[in-house]
PDB file of N, CA and C in Angstrom:
ATOM      1  N   ALA A   1     -31.851  39.632  29.957  1.00  0.00           N
ATOM      2  CA  ALA A   1     -31.377  39.537  28.809  1.00  0.00           C
ATOM      3  C   ALA A   1     -31.476  37.814  28.603  1.00  0.00           C
ATOM      4  N   THR A   2     -31.735  37.451  27.924  1.00  0.00           N
ATOM      5  CA  THR A   2     -32.682  35.577  27.903  1.00  0.00           C
ATOM      6  C   THR A   2     -30.801  34.956  27.130  1.00  0.00           C
ATOM      7  N   ALA A   3     -30.524  33.470  27.955  1.00  0.00           N
ATOM      8  CA  ALA A   3     -29.327  32.928  27.318  1.00  0.00           C
ATOM      9  C   ALA A   3     -29.697  32.265  26.249  1.00  0.00           C
ATOM     10  N   THR A   4     -28.871  31.556  25.129  1.00  0.00           N
ATOM     11  CA  THR A   4     -28.912  31.382  24.085  1.00  0.00           C
ATOM     12  C   THR A   4     -28.357  30.159  24.157  1.00  0.00           C
ATOM     13  N   THR A   5     -28.878  29.165  24.285  1.00  0.00           N
ATOM     14  CA  THR A   5     -28.338  27.592  23.962  1.00  0.00           C
ATOM     15  C   THR A   5     -27.506  27.597  22.099  1.00  0.00           C
ATOM     16  N   PRO A   6     -26.734  26.524  21.664  1.00  0.00           N
ATOM     17  CA  PRO A   6     -26.523  26.634  20.849  1.00  0.00           C
ATOM     18  C   PRO A   6     -27.598  25.771  20.350  1.00  0.00           C
ATOM     19  N   SER A   7     -27.933  25.574  19.040  1.00  0.00           N
ATOM     20  CA  SER A   7     -28.630  25.041  18.333  1.00  0.00           C
ATOM     21  C   SER A   7     -28.139  23.576  17.875  1.00  0.00           C
ATOM     22  N   THR A   8     -28.318  22.865  17.306  1.00  0.00           N
ATOM     23  CA  THR A   8     -28.114  21.415  17.208  1.00  0.00           C
ATOM     24  C   THR A   8     -28.693  21.542  16.070  1.00  0.00           C
ATOM     25  N   GLU A   9     -28.909  22.407  14.530  1.00  0.00           N
ATOM     26  CA  GLU A   9     -29.587  21.717  13.112  1.00  0.00           C
ATOM     27  C   GLU A   9     -28.163  22.473  12.657  1.00  0.00           C
ATOM     28  N   HIS A  10     -28.012  21.777  11.417  1.00  0.00           N
ATOM     29  CA  HIS A  10     -26.724  21.944  10.682  1.00  0.00           C
ATOM     30  C   HIS A  10     -27.392  22.492   9.832  1.00  0.00           C
ATOM     31  N   THR A  11     -26.810  23.903   9.328  1.00  0.00           N
ATOM     32  CA  THR A  11     -26.485  24.395   8.118  1.00  0.00           C
ATOM     33  C   THR A  11     -25.748  24.231   7.195  1.00  0.00           C
ATOM     34  N   THR A  12     -26.202  24.121   5.946  1.00  0.00           N
ATOM     35  CA  THR A  12     -25.402  23.639   4.841  1.00  0.00           C
ATOM     36  C   THR A  12     -24.846  25.082   4.207  1.00  0.00           C
ATOM     37  N   ASN A  13     -23.579  25.130   4.380  1.00  0.00           N
ATOM     38  CA  ASN A  13     -22.407  26.267   2.972  1.00  0.00           C
ATOM     39  C   ASN A  13     -22.174  25.576   2.075  1.00  0.00           C
ATOM     40  N   PRO A  14     -22.512  26.089   1.163  1.00  0.00           N
ATOM     41  CA  PRO A  14     -22.152  26.284  -0.134  1.00  0.00           C
ATOM     42  C   PRO A  14     -20.812  26.370  -0.485  1.00  0.00           C
ATOM     43  N   ASN A  15     -19.706  27.111   0.334  1.00  0.00           N
ATOM     44  CA  ASN A  15     -18.844  26.810   0.438  1.00  0.00           C
ATOM     45  C   ASN A  15     -17.174  26.360   1.205  1.00  0.00           C
ATOM     46  N   ILE A  16     -18.530  25.433   2.179  1.00  0.00           N
ATOM     47  CA  ILE A  16     -17.371  24.462   2.661  1.00  0.00           C
ATOM     48  C   ILE A  16     -17.363  23.072   1.968  1.00  0.00           C
ATOM     49  N   TYR A  17     -16.623  22.600   1.320  1.00  0.00           N
ATOM     50  CA  TYR A  17     -16.629  21.296   1.208  1.00  0.00           C
ATOM     51  C   TYR A  17     -15.928  19.711   1.786  1.00  0.00           C
ATOM     52  N   GLN A  18     -16.402  19.199   0.976  1.00  0.00           N
ATOM     53  CA  GLN A  18     -17.019  17.922   2.074  1.00  0.00           C
ATOM     54  C   GLN A  18     -15.340  17.329   1.514  1.00  0.00           C
ATOM     55  N   VAL A  19     -13.831  17.057   1.869  1.00  0.00           N
ATOM     56  CA  VAL A  19     -13.289  15.714   1.141  1.00  0.00           C
ATOM     57  C   VAL A  19     -13.035  14.422   1.714  1.00  0.00           C
ATOM     58  N   THR A  20     -13.971  13.720   0.916  1.00  0.00           N
ATOM     59  CA  THR A  20     -13.355  12.502   1.290  1.00  0.00           C
ATOM     60  C   THR A  20     -11.947  11.343   1.107  1.00  0.00           C
ATOM     61  N   MET A  21     -11.449  10.831   1.505  1.00  0.00           N
ATOM     62  CA  MET A  21      -9.943  10.707   1.827  1.00  0.00           C
ATOM     63  C   MET A  21     -10.466   8.752   1.672  1.00  0.00           C
ATOM     64  N   SER A  22      -9.521   8.604   0.730  1.00  0.00           N
ATOM     65  CA  SER A  22      -9.352   6.692   1.388  1.00  0.00           C
ATOM     66  C   SER A  22      -8.381   6.586  -0.039  1.00  0.00           C
ATOM     67  N   ILE A  23      -8.112   5.696   0.169  1.00  0.00           N
ATOM     68  CA  ILE A  23      -6.904   5.147  -0.401  1.00  0.00           C
ATOM     69  C   ILE A  23      -7.501   4.180  -1.725  1.00  0.00           C
ATOM     70  N   PRO A  24      -6.981   4.789  -2.999  1.00  0.00           N
ATOM     71  CA  PRO A  24      -6.682   4.383  -4.038  1.00  0.00           C
ATOM     72  C   PRO A  24      -6.399   2.670  -4.892  1.00  0.00           C
ATOM     73  N   GLY A  25      -7.447   2.473  -5.487  1.00  0.00           N
ATOM     74  CA  GLY A  25      -7.709   1.255  -6.005  1.00  0.00           C
ATOM     75  C   GLY A  25      -6.364   0.782  -6.461  1.00  0.00           C
ATOM     76  N   PRO A  26      -5.476   1.118  -7.417  1.00  0.00           N
ATOM     77  CA  PRO A  26      -4.283   0.321  -7.746  1.00  0.00           C
ATOM     78  C   PRO A  26      -3.379   0.500  -6.593  1.00  0.00           C
ATOM     79  N   LEU A  27      -3.481   1.103  -5.367  1.00  0.00           N
ATOM     80  CA  LEU A  27      -2.586   0.967  -4.334  1.00  0.00           C
ATOM     81  C   LEU A  27      -3.030  -0.565  -3.455  1.00  0.00           C
ATOM     82  N   ILE A  28      -4.117  -0.276  -3.575  1.00  0.00           N
ATOM     83  CA  ILE A  28      -4.673  -1.866  -3.003  1.00  0.00           C
ATOM     84  C   ILE A  28      -3.486  -3.461  -3.638  1.00  0.00           C
ATOM     85  N   ALA A  29      -4.067  -2.949  -5.120  1.00  0.00           N
ATOM     86  CA  ALA A  29      -4.585  -4.301  -5.980  1.00  0.00           C
ATOM     87  C   ALA A  29      -2.786  -4.122  -6.009  1.00  0.00           C
ATOM     88  N   GLY A  30      -2.328  -3.433  -6.202  1.00  0.00           N
ATOM     89  CA  GLY A  30      -0.759  -4.040  -6.304  1.00  0.00           C
ATOM     90  C   GLY A  30       0.141  -4.179  -4.854  1.00  0.00           C
ATOM     91  N   SER A  31      -0.552  -3.407  -4.037  1.00  0.00           N
ATOM     92  CA  SER A  31       0.226  -4.401  -2.145  1.00  0.00           C
ATOM     93  C   SER A  31      -0.565  -5.809  -1.991  1.00  0.00           C
ATOM     94  N   ILE A  32      -1.627  -5.925  -2.879  1.00  0.00           N
ATOM     95  CA  ILE A  32      -2.370  -7.186  -2.237  1.00  0.00           C
ATOM     96  C   ILE A  32      -1.529  -8.730  -3.308  1.00  0.00           C
ATOM     97  N   ALA A  33      -0.841  -7.546  -4.272  1.00  0.00           N
ATOM     98  CA  ALA A  33      -0.615  -8.823  -5.088  1.00  0.00           C
ATOM     99  C   ALA A  33       1.481  -9.199  -4.977  1.00  0.00           C
ATOM    100  N   TYR A  34       1.800  -8.049  -3.986  1.00  0.00           N
ATOM    101  CA  TYR A  34       2.676  -8.354  -3.434  1.00  0.00           C
ATOM    102  C   TYR A  34       2.540  -9.323  -2.190  1.00  0.00           C
ATOM    103  N   PHE A  35       1.814  -9.150  -1.806  1.00  0.00           N
ATOM    104  CA  PHE A  35       1.729  -9.715  -0.535  1.00  0.00           C
ATOM    105  C   PHE A  35       1.294 -11.567  -0.504  1.00  0.00           C
ATOM    106  N   VAL A  36      -0.008 -11.761  -2.109  1.00  0.00           N
ATOM    107  CA  VAL A  36       0.095 -13.276  -2.192  1.00  0.00           C
ATOM    108  C   VAL A  36       1.553 -13.708  -3.163  1.00  0.00           C
ATOM    109  N   PHE A  37       2.697 -12.874  -3.555  1.00  0.00           N
ATOM    110  CA  PHE A  37       3.119 -13.633  -4.074  1.00  0.00           C
ATOM    111  C   PHE A  37       4.214 -13.461  -3.529  1.00  0.00           C
ATOM    112  N   ALA A  38       4.714 -12.725  -1.916  1.00  0.00           N
ATOM    113  CA  ALA A  38       5.131 -13.209  -0.726  1.00  0.00           C
ATOM    114  C   ALA A  38       4.692 -14.969   0.322  1.00  0.00           C
ATOM    115  N   CYS A  39       3.744 -14.722  -0.403  1.00  0.00           N
ATOM    116  CA  CYS A  39       3.186 -16.097   0.157  1.00  0.00           C
ATOM    117  C   CYS A  39       3.252 -17.282  -0.683  1.00  0.00           C
ATOM    118  N   VAL A  40       3.516 -16.945  -1.938  1.00  0.00           N
ATOM    119  CA  VAL A  40       3.395 -17.576  -2.609  1.00  0.00           C
ATOM    120  C   VAL A  40       5.248 -18.747  -2.425  1.00  0.00           C
ATOM    121  N   VAL A  41       5.884 -17.474  -2.280  1.00  0.00           N
ATOM    122  CA  VAL A  41       8.024 -17.515  -2.568  1.00  0.00           C
ATOM    123  C   VAL A  41       7.976 -18.403  -0.853  1.00  0.00           C
ATOM    124  N   ASN A  42       7.222 -17.931   0.442  1.00  0.00           N
ATOM    125  CA  ASN A  42       7.545 -18.222   1.359  1.00  0.00           C
ATOM    126  C   ASN A  42       7.475 -19.588   1.908  1.00  0.00           C
ATOM    127  N   GLY A  43       5.827 -20.036   0.878  1.00  0.00           N
ATOM    128  CA  GLY A  43       5.054 -21.606   0.603  1.00  0.00           C
ATOM    129  C   GLY A  43       6.443 -22.314   0.412  1.00  0.00           C
ATOM    130  N   GLY A  44       6.787 -22.073  -1.133  1.00  0.00           N
ATOM    131  CA  GLY A  44       7.223 -22.616  -1.492  1.00  0.00           C
ATOM    132  C   GLY A  44       9.333 -22.851  -1.175  1.00  0.00           C
ATOM    133  N   ILE A  45       9.388 -22.130  -0.663  1.00  0.00           N
ATOM    134  CA  ILE A  45      10.160 -22.453   0.619  1.00  0.00           C
ATOM    135  C   ILE A  45      10.226 -23.323   2.023  1.00  0.00           C
ATOM    136  N   PHE A  46       9.230 -22.993   2.620  1.00  0.00           N
ATOM    137  CA  PHE A  46       8.396 -24.155   3.234  1.00  0.00           C
ATOM    138  C   PHE A  46       8.496 -25.654   2.945  1.00  0.00           C
ATOM    139  N   ALA A  47       7.896 -25.765   1.502  1.00  0.00           N
ATOM    140  CA  ALA A  47       7.661 -27.123   0.541  1.00  0.00           C
ATOM    141  C   ALA A  47       8.811 -28.173   0.604  1.00  0.00           C
ATOM    142  N   SER A  48       9.734 -26.607   0.262  1.00  0.00           N
ATOM    143  CA  SER A  48      10.496 -27.508  -0.474  1.00  0.00           C
ATOM    144  C   SER A  48      12.449 -27.866   1.400  1.00  0.00           C
ATOM    145  N   MET A  49      11.914 -27.061   2.223  1.00  0.00           N
ATOM    146  CA  MET A  49      12.033 -27.865   3.277  1.00  0.00           C
ATOM    147  C   MET A  49      11.207 -29.244   4.275  1.00  0.00           C
ATOM    148  N   ALA A  50      10.060 -29.097   4.042  1.00  0.00           N
ATOM    149  CA  ALA A  50       9.014 -30.097   4.054  1.00  0.00           C
ATOM    150  C   ALA A  50       9.718 -31.242   3.220  1.00  0.00           C
ATOM    151  N   THR A  51      10.058 -31.493   2.715  1.00  0.00           N
ATOM    152  CA  THR A  51      10.186 -32.703   1.655  1.00  0.00           C
ATOM    153  C   THR A  51      11.853 -33.391   1.616  1.00  0.00           C
ATOM    154  N   GLY A  52      12.554 -32.007   2.403  1.00  0.00           N
ATOM    155  CA  GLY A  52      13.630 -31.914   2.768  1.00  0.00           C
ATOM    156  C   GLY A  52      14.384 -31.773   1.079  1.00  0.00           C
ATOM    157  N   MET A  53      14.979 -31.111   0.343  1.00  0.00           N
ATOM    158  CA  MET A  53      15.521 -30.737  -0.517  1.00  0.00           C
ATOM    159  C   MET A  53      16.268 -29.342   0.133  1.00  0.00           C
ATOM    160  N   VAL A  54      15.522 -28.908   1.240  1.00  0.00           N
ATOM    161  CA  VAL A  54      16.229 -27.783   2.245  1.00  0.00           C
ATOM    162  C   VAL A  54      16.378 -27.851   3.388  1.00  0.00           C
ATOM    163  N   SER A  55      17.830 -27.747   4.158  1.00  0.00           N
ATOM    164  CA  SER A  55      17.993 -27.895   5.434  1.00  0.00           C
ATOM    165  C   SER A  55      16.719 -26.854   6.336  1.00  0.00           C
ATOM    166  N   LYS A  56      16.676 -26.840   7.549  1.00  0.00           N
ATOM    167  CA  LYS A  56      15.206 -26.550   8.199  1.00  0.00           C
ATOM    168  C   LYS A  56      16.826 -24.673   8.183  1.00  0.00           C
ATOM    169  N   ASP A  57      18.017 -24.657   8.524  1.00  0.00           N
ATOM    170  CA  ASP A  57      18.650 -23.605   8.385  1.00  0.00           C
ATOM    171  C   ASP A  57      19.013 -22.576   7.841  1.00  0.00           C
ATOM    172  N   ASN A  58      18.838 -23.358   5.825  1.00  0.00           N
ATOM    173  CA  ASN A  58      19.231 -22.967   4.903  1.00  0.00           C
ATOM    174  C   ASN A  58      17.419 -22.250   4.132  1.00  0.00           C
ATOM    175  N   ALA A  59      16.246 -22.843   5.441  1.00  0.00           N
ATOM    176  CA  ALA A  59      14.654 -22.559   4.697  1.00  0.00           C
ATOM    177  C   ALA A  59      14.409 -21.111   5.867  1.00  0.00           C
ATOM    178  N   SER A  60      14.972 -20.717   6.723  1.00  0.00           N
ATOM    179  CA  SER A  60      15.031 -20.050   7.393  1.00  0.00           C
ATOM    180  C   SER A  60      15.811 -18.753   6.987  1.00  0.00           C
ATOM    181  N   ILE A  61      17.123 -19.058   6.051  1.00  0.00           N
ATOM    182  CA  ILE A  61      17.404 -17.505   6.341  1.00  0.00           C
ATOM    183  C   ILE A  61      16.765 -17.733   4.371  1.00  0.00           C
ATOM    184  N   GLY A  62      15.932 -18.591   4.133  1.00  0.00           N
ATOM    185  CA  GLY A  62      15.440 -18.497   2.367  1.00  0.00           C
ATOM    186  C   GLY A  62      14.130 -17.459   2.713  1.00  0.00           C
ATOM    187  N   ASN A  63      13.453 -17.465   4.179  1.00  0.00           N
ATOM    188  CA  ASN A  63      12.229 -17.057   4.490  1.00  0.00           C
ATOM    189  C   ASN A  63      12.791 -14.838   4.795  1.00  0.00           C
ATOM    190  N   VAL A  64      13.440 -15.164   5.348  1.00  0.00           N
ATOM    191  CA  VAL A  64      14.035 -13.909   5.858  1.00  0.00           C
ATOM    192  C   VAL A  64      14.244 -12.843   4.323  1.00  0.00           C
ATOM    193  N   VAL A  65      15.635 -13.624   3.848  1.00  0.00           N
ATOM    194  CA  VAL A  65      16.157 -12.871   2.078  1.00  0.00           C
ATOM    195  C   VAL A  65      14.714 -12.842   1.595  1.00  0.00           C
ATOM    196  N   THR A  66      13.979 -13.881   1.128  1.00  0.00           N
ATOM    197  CA  THR A  66      12.829 -13.673  -0.231  1.00  0.00           C
ATOM    198  C   THR A  66      11.978 -12.231   0.862  1.00  0.00           C
ATOM    199  N   SER A  67      11.304 -12.654   2.419  1.00  0.00           N
ATOM    200  CA  SER A  67      10.739 -11.169   2.800  1.00  0.00           C
ATOM    201  C   SER A  67      11.771 -10.085   2.868  1.00  0.00           C
ATOM    202  N   VAL A  68      12.734 -10.297   2.930  1.00  0.00           N
ATOM    203  CA  VAL A  68      13.163  -8.565   2.689  1.00  0.00           C
ATOM    204  C   VAL A  68      13.675  -8.014   1.195  1.00  0.00           C
ATOM    205  N   CYS A  69      13.501  -9.221   0.699  1.00  0.00           N
ATOM    206  CA  CYS A  69      12.978  -8.540  -1.177  1.00  0.00           C
ATOM    207  C   CYS A  69      12.074  -8.169  -1.503  1.00  0.00           C
ATOM    208  N   ILE A  70      10.918  -9.214  -1.244  1.00  0.00           N
ATOM    209  CA  ILE A  70       9.447  -8.728  -1.348  1.00  0.00           C
ATOM    210  C   ILE A  70       9.007  -7.604  -1.125  1.00  0.00           C
ATOM    211  N   PHE A  71       9.563  -7.303   0.350  1.00  0.00           N
ATOM    212  CA  PHE A  71       9.079  -6.068   0.956  1.00  0.00           C
ATOM    213  C   PHE A  71       9.761  -4.596  -0.010  1.00  0.00           C
ATOM    214  N   SER A  72      11.528  -5.170   0.014  1.00  0.00           N
ATOM    215  CA  SER A  72      12.075  -3.885  -0.685  1.00  0.00           C
ATOM    216  C   SER A  72      11.118  -3.356  -2.462  1.00  0.00           C
ATOM    217  N   MET A  73      10.528  -4.792  -3.098  1.00  0.00           N
ATOM    218  CA  MET A  73      10.313  -4.556  -4.412  1.00  0.00           C
ATOM    219  C   MET A  73       9.044  -3.860  -3.974  1.00  0.00           C
ATOM    220  N   TRP A  74       8.110  -3.587  -3.445  1.00  0.00           N
ATOM    221  CA  TRP A  74       7.133  -3.340  -2.541  1.00  0.00           C
ATOM    222  C   TRP A  74       7.336  -2.246  -2.571  1.00  0.00           C
ATOM    223  N   LEU A  75       8.019  -1.840  -1.249  1.00  0.00           N
ATOM    224  CA  LEU A  75       8.700  -0.036  -1.744  1.00  0.00           C
ATOM    225  C   LEU A  75       8.910   0.756  -2.193  1.00  0.00           C
ATOM    226  N   PHE A  76       9.539   0.124  -3.461  1.00  0.00           N
ATOM    227  CA  PHE A  76       9.859   0.614  -5.109  1.00  0.00           C
ATOM    228  C   PHE A  76       8.756   0.427  -5.350  1.00  0.00           C
ATOM    229  N   TRP A  77       8.111  -0.001  -5.740  1.00  0.00           N
ATOM    230  CA  TRP A  77       6.796   0.079  -6.725  1.00  0.00           C
ATOM    231  C   TRP A  77       6.239   0.752  -6.115  1.00  0.00           C
ATOM    232  N   LEU A  78       6.204   1.025  -4.531  1.00  0.00           N
ATOM    233  CA  LEU A  78       5.063   1.988  -3.841  1.00  0.00           C
ATOM    234  C   LEU A  78       5.558   3.631  -4.558  1.00  0.00           C
ATOM    235  N   SER A  79       7.101   3.893  -4.537  1.00  0.00           N
ATOM    236  CA  SER A  79       7.091   5.274  -4.618  1.00  0.00           C
ATOM    237  C   SER A  79       7.287   5.168  -5.610  1.00  0.00           C
ATOM    238  N   ALA A  80       7.475   4.467  -6.723  1.00  0.00           N
ATOM    239  CA  ALA A  80       7.029   4.599  -7.748  1.00  0.00           C
ATOM    240  C   ALA A  80       5.700   5.663  -8.826  1.00  0.00           C
ATOM    241  N   TRP A  81       4.716   4.769  -8.248  1.00  0.00           N
ATOM    242  CA  TRP A  81       3.265   4.558  -8.087  1.00  0.00           C
ATOM    243  C   TRP A  81       3.049   6.419  -7.288  1.00  0.00           C
ATOM    244  N   LEU A  82       3.884   6.300  -6.525  1.00  0.00           N
ATOM    245  CA  LEU A  82       3.270   7.337  -6.335  1.00  0.00           C
ATOM    246  C   LEU A  82       3.992   8.693  -6.358  1.00  0.00           C
ATOM    247  N   HIS A  83       4.948   8.777  -6.520  1.00  0.00           N
ATOM    248  CA  HIS A  83       5.580   9.478  -7.623  1.00  0.00           C
ATOM    249  C   HIS A  83       4.817   9.905  -9.055  1.00  0.00           C
ATOM    250  N   GLN A  84       4.234   9.011  -9.418  1.00  0.00           N
ATOM    251  CA  GLN A  84       3.087   8.878 -11.012  1.00  0.00           C
ATOM    252  C   GLN A  84       1.892   9.426 -10.844  1.00  0.00           C
ATOM    253  N   TRP A  85       1.128   9.289  -9.494  1.00  0.00           N
ATOM    254  CA  TRP A  85       0.264   9.668  -8.994  1.00  0.00           C
ATOM    255  C   TRP A  85      -0.190  10.960  -8.860  1.00  0.00           C
ATOM    256  N   HIS A  86       0.567  12.190  -8.425  1.00  0.00           N
ATOM    257  CA  HIS A  86       0.515  13.872  -8.675  1.00  0.00           C
ATOM    258  C   HIS A  86       2.052  14.217  -8.788  1.00  0.00           C
ATOM    259  N   PRO A  87       2.365  14.689 -10.190  1.00  0.00           N
ATOM    260  CA  PRO A  87       3.356  14.327 -10.085  1.00  0.00           C
ATOM    261  C   PRO A  87       3.704  15.841  -9.763  1.00  0.00           C
ATOM    262  N   LEU A  88       4.968  15.949  -9.541  1.00  0.00           N
ATOM    263  CA  LEU A  88       5.267  17.609  -9.273  1.00  0.00           C
ATOM    264  C   LEU A  88       6.240  18.505 -10.428  1.00  0.00           C
ATOM    265  N   ILE A  89       6.525  17.433 -11.449  1.00  0.00           N
ATOM    266  CA  ILE A  89       7.255  18.657 -12.685  1.00  0.00           C
ATOM    267  C   ILE A  89       6.244  18.099 -13.441  1.00  0.00           C
ATOM    268  N   LYS A  90       5.927  18.993 -14.135  1.00  0.00           N
ATOM    269  CA  LYS A  90       4.749  18.722 -15.582  1.00  0.00           C
ATOM    270  C   LYS A  90       5.096  18.859 -16.792  1.00  0.00           C
ATOM    271  N   PRO A  91       4.996  18.562 -17.773  1.00  0.00           N
ATOM    272  CA  PRO A  91       6.188  18.583 -18.951  1.00  0.00           C
ATOM    273  C   PRO A  91       5.917  19.578 -19.815  1.00  0.00           C
ATOM    274  N   ILE A  92       6.290  20.605 -19.966  1.00  0.00           N
ATOM    275  CA  ILE A  92       5.753  22.135 -21.081  1.00  0.00           C
ATOM    276  C   ILE A  92       6.023  21.538 -22.705  1.00  0.00           C
ATOM    277  N   TYR A  93       4.968  21.536 -23.474  1.00  0.00           N
ATOM    278  CA  TYR A  93       5.304  20.566 -24.841  1.00  0.00           C
ATOM    279  C   TYR A  93       5.302  22.056 -25.629  1.00  0.00           C
ATOM    280  N   GLU A  94       5.528  22.715 -26.290  1.00  0.00           N
ATOM    281  CA  GLU A  94       5.903  23.605 -27.195  1.00  0.00           C
ATOM    282  C   GLU A  94       5.146  22.992 -29.224  1.00  0.00           C
ATOM    283  N   GLU A  95       5.300  24.272 -29.029  1.00  0.00           N
ATOM    284  CA  GLU A  95       4.816  23.720 -30.685  1.00  0.00           C
ATOM    285  C   GLU A  95       4.731  24.181 -31.450  1.00  0.00           C
TER     286      GLU A  95
END
């Protein structure tokens, strides 16, 4: 009896499908938009502090509040987008 070694050749099986996973484009675009919005708002708060319109304590509170608020808005948008991406319930239309 001879010992056989596993072959290094890959066979193509038509019954096996390759699934590629990637992050959808609208999800990336929306996330970038919220990130830019957060940078603009926090930059505005920093500019207000630098010009003396707002005290340092109030500016740091504003940074925290706006960061949490924008993250919450992004999370709400994300859940709404994901629920519409693959709906679990589809309407049945009567003719």
